[in-house]
C-alpha cells in the first residue's frame, strides 16, 4: 500500500471511526447517566496520540519517509484535534445544545484537549530527535 494512503487510514479511521461508533451509546439513558460514554471517549482521546505517534514512526521507518515527517506531525495534531472535537460533538448532539455547553463540560473538554495535544507535542519532539539522531549516525 502506498505510504500516504496508509498514513491517512491509520490516522483518521481510528480518530473519527471510534467516535462515530460510540455516538449511539450517548442516547442510551442508562449509559449516559453513568457517564461511561464520556469516560471511554476521554480515555481514547488521551491515548490516541500514543497510537498515532507509534504508527506514524513505524510506517516512516518501514517506507524510509523521514524527510517529510513534519507532514506526519501536522496530521497527528489534526487527528487529535478532530477526535477531541468529535467527543464534544457527541455530547452536544446527545443533549441537543451545541452552542451552550455547561461550564463543567467545557472545562473537561478543554483539559482533555490540552492533555492530548501535550502528549502529541512531546511525542513529536521525541520523534524528531530520534530522526535527527538516525541521520547523524549515518
Foldseek 3Di string as FASTA:
>chain_A
DDLVVVLCCQQACVLPVVLVVCLVVCQPPVSVVVCPSVVVLLVCLLCNLVSLLVVLLVSCVVVVPPVPCVVSLVSSLVSSVSSLVSSLVSNCVNVVHNPDDDPVVVVSSVVSSVSSVVVNVVSSVVSVVVVVVVVVVD
